Amino acid sequence: MNDFWTTILDFAQTTTTRVGKQLMQDFGQVQASQKADGSLVTQADKWADQEIRDALAKLTEGIASNFSGYGILSEESDQSFPGTEWCWVIDPLDGTTNFTRGIPIWTISLGLLYRGTPIFGYVYAPTLNQAFHGFWAGSSGLATPTGAFLNHHPIHTSIDSPSNNHFFNLCSRSTAVIQNGFPCKIRMLGVASYNFLTVATGATLGGIEATPKVWDIAGAWVIVQAAGGVWLSLKSEPFPLSPGEDYSDRSFPTLVVSRPELVPVFQPFLEGVKI
């Protein structure tokens, strides 16, 4: 791994660890308010967003020669894609409802985009002591490292076939898939990024999110594919992002499965899901 990507990975690890340590102090202790879209936000979300933005400014000063023209797209601040060659997509606290209620599944998610498409993802779950990262060069033409990792150990999706001893994750808006004949046990975790990352580790065979936003998926999008998973957009493709577009009210319904052969197994059950 060259110096640039080592710096990027070290930054993501150091920053999310520091932010996560403070969020752990607030976990289950803060009051939330409701945003216009019905989702919750706390002062902890806003604090974490500013901390990450400040850290990114310092990072960019240090590697400006490799990193000119960077932008930020964040759930809690800048929600329009600036059209810069490089852009960080931030979800400072994915799973705010879990966070406020004391349920220990929530994450800090970072995605680094090149020309509108993620090529590096980092997602940290402080309560679980789990840090995921991955690289996915795709069609960018960039020379990047390869692979997906959990706490720096390689991860890969499962090669298993569905059974009553395997899991599939839902979001709260996708319960219509629960029908007779569904081939797996159902789980609902309440965090879009973590939903998909369990597929990347092989813990689950698939997952669906009916209304994820771009900051929910930017980091996980990289890691899932780097781990061998299949990312299937059910409406419109999220990437590349469009310059100047406001992503505050755009959702990207998504099915993730561990391998291509499982797409036709699960897809028929999605017909009743409102997307």
C-alpha atoms as a PDB file:
ATOM      1  CA  MET A   1       0.000   0.000   0.000  1.00  0.00           C
ATOM      2  CA  ASN A   2       1.513   3.320  -1.061  1.00  0.00           C
ATOM      3  CA  ASP A   3       1.922   6.315   1.218  1.00  0.00           C
ATOM      4  CA  PHE A   4      -1.274   8.008   0.015  1.00  0.00           C
ATOM      5  CA  TRP A   5      -3.562   5.096   0.871  1.00  0.00           C
ATOM      6  CA  THR A   6      -1.714   4.402   4.111  1.00  0.00           C
ATOM      7  CA  THR A   7      -2.352   8.014   5.103  1.00  0.00           C
ATOM      8  CA  ILE A   8      -6.037   7.753   4.165  1.00  0.00           C
ATOM      9  CA  LEU A   9      -6.516   4.522   6.129  1.00  0.00           C
ATOM     10  CA  ASP A  10      -4.625   5.828   9.164  1.00  0.00           C
ATOM     11  CA  PHE A  11      -6.713   8.998   9.088  1.00  0.00           C
ATOM     12  CA  ALA A  12      -9.994   7.076   8.973  1.00  0.00           C
ATOM     13  CA  GLN A  13      -8.952   4.802  11.811  1.00  0.00           C
ATOM     14  CA  THR A  14      -7.573   7.545  14.050  1.00  0.00           C
ATOM     15  CA  THR A  15     -10.473   9.938  13.485  1.00  0.00           C
ATOM     16  CA  THR A  16     -13.308   7.447  13.924  1.00  0.00           C
ATOM     17  CA  THR A  17     -11.639   5.980  17.015  1.00  0.00           C
ATOM     18  CA  ARG A  18     -11.348   9.421  18.597  1.00  0.00           C
ATOM     19  CA  VAL A  19     -14.887  10.444  17.655  1.00  0.00           C
ATOM     20  CA  GLY A  20     -16.242   7.061  18.700  1.00  0.00           C
ATOM     21  CA  LYS A  21     -14.659   7.359  22.141  1.00  0.00           C
ATOM     22  CA  GLN A  22     -16.565  10.578  22.805  1.00  0.00           C
ATOM     23  CA  LEU A  23     -19.807   9.200  21.354  1.00  0.00           C
ATOM     24  CA  MET A  24     -19.548   6.270  23.756  1.00  0.00           C
ATOM     25  CA  GLN A  25     -19.789   8.807  26.598  1.00  0.00           C
ATOM     26  CA  ASP A  26     -23.063  10.103  25.130  1.00  0.00           C
ATOM     27  CA  PHE A  27     -24.465   6.706  24.130  1.00  0.00           C
ATOM     28  CA  GLY A  28     -27.956   6.273  25.570  1.00  0.00           C
ATOM     29  CA  GLN A  29     -27.655   9.566  27.467  1.00  0.00           C
ATOM     30  CA  VAL A  30     -28.763  12.210  24.950  1.00  0.00           C
ATOM     31  CA  GLN A  31     -32.103  13.575  23.802  1.00  0.00           C
ATOM     32  CA  ALA A  32     -32.997  13.547  20.128  1.00  0.00           C
ATOM     33  CA  SER A  33     -35.030  15.944  18.019  1.00  0.00           C
ATOM     34  CA  GLN A  34     -36.877  15.102  14.831  1.00  0.00           C
ATOM     35  CA  LYS A  35     -35.703  16.375  11.454  1.00  0.00           C
ATOM     36  CA  ALA A  36     -37.961  17.330   8.551  1.00  0.00           C
ATOM     37  CA  ASP A  37     -37.687  13.852   7.043  1.00  0.00           C
ATOM     38  CA  GLY A  38     -38.793  12.222  10.289  1.00  0.00           C
ATOM     39  CA  SER A  39     -35.367  10.881  11.270  1.00  0.00           C
ATOM     40  CA  LEU A  40     -33.716  11.758  14.563  1.00  0.00           C
ATOM     41  CA  VAL A  41     -30.710  13.938  15.251  1.00  0.00           C
ATOM     42  CA  THR A  42     -28.822  14.699  18.461  1.00  0.00           C
ATOM     43  CA  GLN A  43     -26.124  17.129  19.495  1.00  0.00           C
ATOM     44  CA  ALA A  44     -23.793  14.128  19.371  1.00  0.00           C
ATOM     45  CA  ASP A  45     -24.456  13.730  15.614  1.00  0.00           C
ATOM     46  CA  LYS A  46     -23.709  17.395  15.026  1.00  0.00           C
ATOM     47  CA  TRP A  47     -20.585  17.356  17.193  1.00  0.00           C
ATOM     48  CA  ALA A  48     -19.235  14.244  15.421  1.00  0.00           C
ATOM     49  CA  ASP A  49     -19.920  15.787  12.021  1.00  0.00           C
ATOM     50  CA  GLN A  50     -17.921  18.922  12.872  1.00  0.00           C
ATOM     51  CA  GLU A  51     -15.060  16.914  14.395  1.00  0.00           C
ATOM     52  CA  ILE A  52     -14.711  14.825  11.240  1.00  0.00           C
ATOM     53  CA  ARG A  53     -14.925  17.906   9.004  1.00  0.00           C
ATOM     54  CA  ASP A  54     -12.198  19.648  11.005  1.00  0.00           C
ATOM     55  CA  ALA A  55      -9.991  16.546  10.834  1.00  0.00           C
ATOM     56  CA  LEU A  56     -10.504  16.345   7.060  1.00  0.00           C
ATOM     57  CA  ALA A  57      -9.355  19.946   6.665  1.00  0.00           C
ATOM     58  CA  LYS A  58      -6.095  19.115   8.459  1.00  0.00           C
ATOM     59  CA  LEU A  59      -5.636  15.927   6.444  1.00  0.00           C
ATOM     60  CA  THR A  60      -6.044  17.781   3.173  1.00  0.00           C
ATOM     61  CA  GLU A  61      -3.446  20.373   4.158  1.00  0.00           C
ATOM     62  CA  GLY A  62      -0.976  17.563   4.745  1.00  0.00           C
ATOM     63  CA  ILE A  63      -1.454  15.752   1.417  1.00  0.00           C
ATOM     64  CA  ALA A  64      -2.633  18.587  -0.813  1.00  0.00           C
ATOM     65  CA  SER A  65      -0.389  17.567  -3.710  1.00  0.00           C
ATOM     66  CA  ASN A  66      -2.283  14.268  -4.062  1.00  0.00           C
ATOM     67  CA  PHE A  67      -5.650  15.510  -2.989  1.00  0.00           C
ATOM     68  CA  SER A  68      -6.520  18.747  -4.705  1.00  0.00           C
ATOM     69  CA  GLY A  69     -10.134  19.782  -5.051  1.00  0.00           C
ATOM     70  CA  TYR A  70     -11.752  17.697  -2.322  1.00  0.00           C
ATOM     71  CA  GLY A  71     -15.302  18.188  -1.084  1.00  0.00           C
ATOM     72  CA  ILE A  72     -17.591  16.938   1.655  1.00  0.00           C
ATOM     73  CA  LEU A  73     -21.103  15.516   1.518  1.00  0.00           C
ATOM     74  CA  SER A  74     -22.592  14.915   4.955  1.00  0.00           C
ATOM     75  CA  GLU A  75     -25.929  13.967   6.460  1.00  0.00           C
ATOM     76  CA  GLU A  76     -25.687  16.761   9.019  1.00  0.00           C
ATOM     77  CA  SER A  77     -24.336  19.641   6.924  1.00  0.00           C
ATOM     78  CA  ASP A  78     -23.465  19.782   3.205  1.00  0.00           C
ATOM     79  CA  GLN A  79     -26.022  17.576   1.461  1.00  0.00           C
ATOM     80  CA  SER A  80     -25.262  18.559  -2.147  1.00  0.00           C
ATOM     81  CA  PHE A  81     -22.480  16.893  -4.117  1.00  0.00           C
ATOM     82  CA  PRO A  82     -19.934  19.613  -4.910  1.00  0.00           C
ATOM     83  CA  GLY A  83     -18.684  17.928  -8.076  1.00  0.00           C
ATOM     84  CA  THR A  84     -15.067  17.910  -6.899  1.00  0.00           C
ATOM     85  CA  GLU A  85     -12.698  15.218  -8.136  1.00  0.00           C
ATOM     86  CA  TRP A  86     -12.382  13.850  -4.600  1.00  0.00           C
ATOM     87  CA  CYS A  87     -15.206  13.928  -2.076  1.00  0.00           C
ATOM     88  CA  TRP A  88     -15.732  12.488   1.388  1.00  0.00           C
ATOM     89  CA  VAL A  89     -19.232  11.279   2.214  1.00  0.00           C
ATOM     90  CA  ILE A  90     -19.832  11.307   5.977  1.00  0.00           C
ATOM     91  CA  ASP A  91     -22.441   9.764   8.204  1.00  0.00           C
ATOM     92  CA  PRO A  92     -21.186  10.796  11.633  1.00  0.00           C
ATOM     93  CA  LEU A  93     -23.711   8.559  13.381  1.00  0.00           C
ATOM     94  CA  ASP A  94     -25.637   5.932  11.424  1.00  0.00           C
ATOM     95  CA  GLY A  95     -28.276   4.478  13.718  1.00  0.00           C
ATOM     96  CA  THR A  96     -29.210   7.525  15.789  1.00  0.00           C
ATOM     97  CA  THR A  97     -32.409   5.892  17.033  1.00  0.00           C
ATOM     98  CA  ASN A  98     -30.451   2.918  18.380  1.00  0.00           C
ATOM     99  CA  PHE A  99     -27.897   5.336  19.836  1.00  0.00           C
ATOM    100  CA  THR A 100     -30.459   7.378  21.750  1.00  0.00           C
ATOM    101  CA  ARG A 101     -32.284   4.294  23.068  1.00  0.00           C
ATOM    102  CA  GLY A 102     -29.158   2.544  24.298  1.00  0.00           C
ATOM    103  CA  ILE A 103     -29.171  -0.217  21.679  1.00  0.00           C
ATOM    104  CA  PRO A 104     -25.491  -0.965  20.925  1.00  0.00           C
ATOM    105  CA  ILE A 105     -25.563  -1.105  17.127  1.00  0.00           C
ATOM    106  CA  TRP A 106     -24.595   2.181  15.476  1.00  0.00           C
ATOM    107  CA  THR A 107     -21.683   3.275  13.313  1.00  0.00           C
ATOM    108  CA  ILE A 108     -19.527   6.104  12.034  1.00  0.00           C
ATOM    109  CA  SER A 109     -19.295   5.817   8.252  1.00  0.00           C
ATOM    110  CA  LEU A 110     -16.846   7.378   5.783  1.00  0.00           C
ATOM    111  CA  GLY A 111     -16.692   6.937   2.037  1.00  0.00           C
ATOM    112  CA  LEU A 112     -14.041   8.496  -0.208  1.00  0.00           C
ATOM    113  CA  LEU A 113     -15.324   9.183  -3.716  1.00  0.00           C
ATOM    114  CA  TYR A 114     -13.279   9.733  -6.858  1.00  0.00           C
ATOM    115  CA  ARG A 115     -15.230  11.465  -9.622  1.00  0.00           C
ATOM    116  CA  GLY A 116     -18.475  10.711  -7.830  1.00  0.00           C
ATOM    117  CA  THR A 117     -17.952   7.012  -7.089  1.00  0.00           C
ATOM    118  CA  PRO A 118     -16.654   5.493  -3.814  1.00  0.00           C
ATOM    119  CA  ILE A 119     -13.284   3.775  -3.951  1.00  0.00           C
ATOM    120  CA  PHE A 120     -12.519   3.597  -0.208  1.00  0.00           C
ATOM    121  CA  GLY A 121     -14.914   2.862   2.640  1.00  0.00           C
ATOM    122  CA  TYR A 122     -14.448   2.844   6.406  1.00  0.00           C
ATOM    123  CA  VAL A 123     -17.183   2.022   8.924  1.00  0.00           C
ATOM    124  CA  TYR A 124     -16.566   1.868  12.664  1.00  0.00           C
ATOM    125  CA  ALA A 125     -18.944   0.394  15.243  1.00  0.00           C
ATOM    126  CA  PRO A 126     -17.547   1.640  18.594  1.00  0.00           C
ATOM    127  CA  THR A 127     -19.765  -0.423  20.890  1.00  0.00           C
ATOM    128  CA  LEU A 128     -18.793  -3.626  19.079  1.00  0.00           C
ATOM    129  CA  ASN A 129     -15.117  -2.719  18.637  1.00  0.00           C
ATOM    130  CA  GLN A 130     -15.477  -3.459  14.929  1.00  0.00           C
ATOM    131  CA  ALA A 131     -13.729  -1.411  12.244  1.00  0.00           C
ATOM    132  CA  PHE A 132     -14.466  -2.301   8.618  1.00  0.00           C
ATOM    133  CA  HIS A 133     -12.605  -0.977   5.606  1.00  0.00           C
ATOM    134  CA  GLY A 134     -12.233  -1.789   1.945  1.00  0.00           C
ATOM    135  CA  PHE A 135     -10.965  -0.604  -1.414  1.00  0.00           C
ATOM    136  CA  TRP A 136     -12.821  -0.878  -4.717  1.00  0.00           C
ATOM    137  CA  ALA A 137     -11.169   0.737  -7.743  1.00  0.00           C
ATOM    138  CA  GLY A 138     -13.977  -0.264 -10.098  1.00  0.00           C
ATOM    139  CA  SER A 139     -13.650   1.621 -13.400  1.00  0.00           C
ATOM    140  CA  SER A 140     -11.840   4.582 -11.847  1.00  0.00           C
ATOM    141  CA  GLY A 141      -8.522   3.746 -13.469  1.00  0.00           C
ATOM    142  CA  LEU A 142      -6.778   4.343 -10.143  1.00  0.00           C
ATOM    143  CA  ALA A 143      -4.286   1.951  -8.629  1.00  0.00           C
ATOM    144  CA  THR A 144      -5.720   1.168  -5.203  1.00  0.00           C
ATOM    145  CA  PRO A 145      -5.125  -1.605  -2.690  1.00  0.00           C
ATOM    146  CA  THR A 146      -7.628  -4.453  -2.818  1.00  0.00           C
ATOM    147  CA  GLY A 147      -9.782  -6.336  -0.357  1.00  0.00           C
ATOM    148  CA  ALA A 148     -12.209  -5.905   2.511  1.00  0.00           C
ATOM    149  CA  PHE A 149     -11.221  -6.110   6.159  1.00  0.00           C
ATOM    150  CA  LEU A 150     -12.632  -6.283   9.680  1.00  0.00           C
ATOM    151  CA  ASN A 151     -10.147  -5.089  12.288  1.00  0.00           C
ATOM    152  CA  HIS A 152      -7.492  -5.506   9.562  1.00  0.00           C
ATOM    153  CA  HIS A 153      -8.341  -9.189   8.980  1.00  0.00           C
ATOM    154  CA  PRO A 154      -9.613 -10.091   5.474  1.00  0.00           C
ATOM    155  CA  ILE A 155     -13.340 -10.776   5.170  1.00  0.00           C
ATOM    156  CA  HIS A 156     -15.407 -12.397   2.439  1.00  0.00           C
ATOM    157  CA  THR A 157     -19.062 -13.068   1.808  1.00  0.00           C
ATOM    158  CA  SER A 158     -20.554 -16.498   2.448  1.00  0.00           C
ATOM    159  CA  ILE A 159     -20.713 -19.214  -0.213  1.00  0.00           C
ATOM    160  CA  ASP A 160     -23.524 -20.997   1.644  1.00  0.00           C
ATOM    161  CA  SER A 161     -26.984 -21.689   0.273  1.00  0.00           C
ATOM    162  CA  PRO A 162     -30.031 -20.335   2.136  1.00  0.00           C
ATOM    163  CA  SER A 163     -31.520 -22.399   4.960  1.00  0.00           C
ATOM    164  CA  ASN A 164     -33.419 -22.007   8.219  1.00  0.00           C
ATOM    165  CA  ASN A 165     -30.040 -21.609   9.905  1.00  0.00           C
ATOM    166  CA  HIS A 166     -28.984 -18.611   7.798  1.00  0.00           C
ATOM    167  CA  PHE A 167     -29.946 -14.951   8.167  1.00  0.00           C
ATOM    168  CA  PHE A 168     -31.335 -12.181   5.958  1.00  0.00           C
ATOM    169  CA  ASN A 169     -31.594  -8.577   7.229  1.00  0.00           C
ATOM    170  CA  LEU A 170     -34.527  -6.212   6.795  1.00  0.00           C
ATOM    171  CA  CYS A 171     -35.137  -2.547   7.477  1.00  0.00           C
ATOM    172  CA  SER A 172     -38.368  -1.435   9.127  1.00  0.00           C
ATOM    173  CA  ARG A 173     -39.867  -0.454   5.753  1.00  0.00           C
ATOM    174  CA  SER A 174     -39.212  -3.788   4.053  1.00  0.00           C
ATOM    175  CA  THR A 175     -41.203  -6.188   6.215  1.00  0.00           C
ATOM    176  CA  ALA A 176     -43.371  -7.071   3.206  1.00  0.00           C
ATOM    177  CA  VAL A 177     -40.743  -9.655   2.286  1.00  0.00           C
ATOM    178  CA  ILE A 178     -41.822 -11.783   5.262  1.00  0.00           C
ATOM    179  CA  GLN A 179     -43.907 -14.358   3.420  1.00  0.00           C
ATOM    180  CA  ASN A 180     -44.432 -18.096   3.477  1.00  0.00           C
ATOM    181  CA  GLY A 181     -41.453 -19.794   1.951  1.00  0.00           C
ATOM    182  CA  PHE A 182     -38.881 -17.127   2.729  1.00  0.00           C
ATOM    183  CA  PRO A 183     -35.656 -19.159   2.740  1.00  0.00           C
ATOM    184  CA  CYS A 184     -33.845 -17.663   5.756  1.00  0.00           C
ATOM    185  CA  LYS A 185     -34.366 -16.426   9.284  1.00  0.00           C
ATOM    186  CA  ILE A 186     -35.036 -12.679   9.513  1.00  0.00           C
ATOM    187  CA  ARG A 187     -33.086 -10.091  11.490  1.00  0.00           C
ATOM    188  CA  MET A 188     -33.619  -6.323  11.786  1.00  0.00           C
ATOM    189  CA  LEU A 189     -30.658  -4.312  13.088  1.00  0.00           C
ATOM    190  CA  GLY A 190     -31.781  -0.717  12.541  1.00  0.00           C
ATOM    191  CA  VAL A 191     -28.569   0.509  10.887  1.00  0.00           C
ATOM    192  CA  ALA A 192     -28.245   0.509   7.093  1.00  0.00           C
ATOM    193  CA  SER A 193     -24.456   0.376   6.961  1.00  0.00           C
ATOM    194  CA  TYR A 194     -24.219  -2.444   9.476  1.00  0.00           C
ATOM    195  CA  ASN A 195     -27.029  -4.365   7.781  1.00  0.00           C
ATOM    196  CA  PHE A 196     -24.945  -4.617   4.622  1.00  0.00           C
ATOM    197  CA  LEU A 197     -21.632  -5.172   6.388  1.00  0.00           C
ATOM    198  CA  THR A 198     -22.939  -8.373   7.967  1.00  0.00           C
ATOM    199  CA  VAL A 199     -23.217  -9.672   4.406  1.00  0.00           C
ATOM    200  CA  ALA A 200     -19.601  -8.672   3.773  1.00  0.00           C
ATOM    201  CA  THR A 201     -18.419 -10.699   6.775  1.00  0.00           C
ATOM    202  CA  GLY A 202     -20.443 -13.781   5.836  1.00  0.00           C
ATOM    203  CA  ALA A 203     -22.689 -13.498   8.911  1.00  0.00           C
ATOM    204  CA  THR A 204     -25.788 -13.038   6.735  1.00  0.00           C
ATOM    205  CA  LEU A 205     -26.633 -14.043   3.171  1.00  0.00           C
ATOM    206  CA  GLY A 206     -28.381 -10.827   2.249  1.00  0.00           C
ATOM    207  CA  GLY A 207     -30.095  -7.644   3.299  1.00  0.00           C
ATOM    208  CA  ILE A 208     -32.480  -5.019   2.023  1.00  0.00           C
ATOM    209  CA  GLU A 209     -32.833  -1.330   2.793  1.00  0.00           C
ATOM    210  CA  ALA A 210     -35.865   0.413   1.291  1.00  0.00           C
ATOM    211  CA  THR A 211     -34.896   4.051   1.955  1.00  0.00           C
ATOM    212  CA  PRO A 212     -31.144   4.452   2.536  1.00  0.00           C
ATOM    213  CA  LYS A 213     -29.531   7.791   1.786  1.00  0.00           C
ATOM    214  CA  VAL A 214     -26.192   8.178   0.052  1.00  0.00           C
ATOM    215  CA  TRP A 215     -24.343   8.766   3.352  1.00  0.00           C
ATOM    216  CA  ASP A 216     -25.771   5.524   4.724  1.00  0.00           C
ATOM    217  CA  ILE A 217     -24.299   3.481   1.905  1.00  0.00           C
ATOM    218  CA  ALA A 218     -21.148   5.174   0.565  1.00  0.00           C
ATOM    219  CA  GLY A 219     -18.736   3.393   2.898  1.00  0.00           C
ATOM    220  CA  ALA A 220     -20.501   0.024   2.885  1.00  0.00           C
ATOM    221  CA  TRP A 221     -20.868   0.087  -0.932  1.00  0.00           C
ATOM    222  CA  VAL A 222     -17.108  -0.296  -1.252  1.00  0.00           C
ATOM    223  CA  ILE A 223     -16.649  -2.887   1.486  1.00  0.00           C
ATOM    224  CA  VAL A 224     -19.475  -5.187   0.339  1.00  0.00           C
ATOM    225  CA  GLN A 225     -18.162  -5.407  -3.212  1.00  0.00           C
ATOM    226  CA  ALA A 226     -14.547  -5.746  -2.112  1.00  0.00           C
ATOM    227  CA  ALA A 227     -15.686  -8.699   0.031  1.00  0.00           C
ATOM    228  CA  GLY A 228     -17.288 -10.409  -2.980  1.00  0.00           C
ATOM    229  CA  GLY A 229     -20.898  -9.349  -2.440  1.00  0.00           C
ATOM    230  CA  VAL A 230     -23.471  -8.230  -5.007  1.00  0.00           C
ATOM    231  CA  TRP A 231     -24.949  -4.736  -4.710  1.00  0.00           C
ATOM    232  CA  LEU A 232     -28.260  -4.458  -6.564  1.00  0.00           C
ATOM    233  CA  SER A 233     -29.949  -1.065  -6.771  1.00  0.00           C
ATOM    234  CA  LEU A 234     -33.724  -1.513  -6.857  1.00  0.00           C
ATOM    235  CA  LYS A 235     -34.581   1.918  -8.242  1.00  0.00           C
ATOM    236  CA  SER A 236     -31.777   4.200  -9.429  1.00  0.00           C
ATOM    237  CA  GLU A 237     -28.040   3.677  -9.232  1.00  0.00           C
ATOM    238  CA  PRO A 238     -26.497   5.801  -6.490  1.00  0.00           C
ATOM    239  CA  PHE A 239     -23.120   6.327  -8.133  1.00  0.00           C
ATOM    240  CA  PRO A 240     -21.593   8.303  -9.699  1.00  0.00           C
ATOM    241  CA  LEU A 241     -23.132  11.248  -7.891  1.00  0.00           C
ATOM    242  CA  SER A 242     -24.314  14.218  -9.948  1.00  0.00           C
ATOM    243  CA  PRO A 243     -22.599  17.587  -9.384  1.00  0.00           C
ATOM    244  CA  GLY A 244     -24.811  20.150  -7.715  1.00  0.00           C
ATOM    245  CA  GLU A 245     -27.512  17.636  -6.813  1.00  0.00           C
ATOM    246  CA  ASP A 246     -29.107  17.835  -3.371  1.00  0.00           C
ATOM    247  CA  TYR A 247     -29.172  14.334  -1.876  1.00  0.00           C
ATOM    248  CA  SER A 248     -31.098  15.212   1.283  1.00  0.00           C
ATOM    249  CA  ASP A 249     -34.360  13.672   0.052  1.00  0.00           C
ATOM    250  CA  ARG A 250     -33.078  10.988  -2.335  1.00  0.00           C
ATOM    251  CA  SER A 251     -33.247   7.347  -1.288  1.00  0.00           C
ATOM    252  CA  PHE A 252     -31.558   4.407  -2.975  1.00  0.00           C
ATOM    253  CA  PRO A 253     -33.455   1.148  -2.308  1.00  0.00           C
ATOM    254  CA  THR A 254     -30.914  -1.648  -2.279  1.00  0.00           C
ATOM    255  CA  LEU A 255     -30.625  -5.420  -2.143  1.00  0.00           C
ATOM    256  CA  VAL A 256     -27.275  -6.871  -1.131  1.00  0.00           C
ATOM    257  CA  VAL A 257     -26.555 -10.603  -1.388  1.00  0.00           C
ATOM    258  CA  SER A 258     -23.475 -12.687  -0.800  1.00  0.00           C
ATOM    259  CA  ARG A 259     -23.146 -14.034  -4.365  1.00  0.00           C
ATOM    260  CA  PRO A 260     -24.838 -13.583  -7.766  1.00  0.00           C
ATOM    261  CA  GLU A 261     -26.715 -16.892  -7.620  1.00  0.00           C
ATOM    262  CA  LEU A 262     -28.815 -15.605  -4.696  1.00  0.00           C
ATOM    263  CA  VAL A 263     -30.296 -12.616  -6.546  1.00  0.00           C
ATOM    264  CA  PRO A 264     -33.121 -14.690  -8.150  1.00  0.00           C
ATOM    265  CA  VAL A 265     -33.687 -16.483  -4.835  1.00  0.00           C
ATOM    266  CA  PHE A 266     -34.486 -13.323  -2.860  1.00  0.00           C
ATOM    267  CA  GLN A 267     -35.697 -10.902  -5.534  1.00  0.00           C
ATOM    268  CA  PRO A 268     -39.219 -12.387  -5.899  1.00  0.00           C
ATOM    269  CA  PHE A 269     -39.909 -11.659  -2.230  1.00  0.00           C
ATOM    270  CA  LEU A 270     -39.240  -7.936  -2.726  1.00  0.00           C
ATOM    271  CA  GLU A 271     -42.264  -7.281  -4.954  1.00  0.00           C
ATOM    272  CA  GLY A 272     -44.418  -6.024  -2.082  1.00  0.00           C
ATOM    273  CA  VAL A 273     -41.818  -3.605  -0.733  1.00  0.00           C
ATOM    274  CA  LYS A 274     -42.665   0.034  -1.403  1.00  0.00           C
ATOM    275  CA  ILE A 275     -39.710   1.746  -3.009  1.00  0.00           C
END
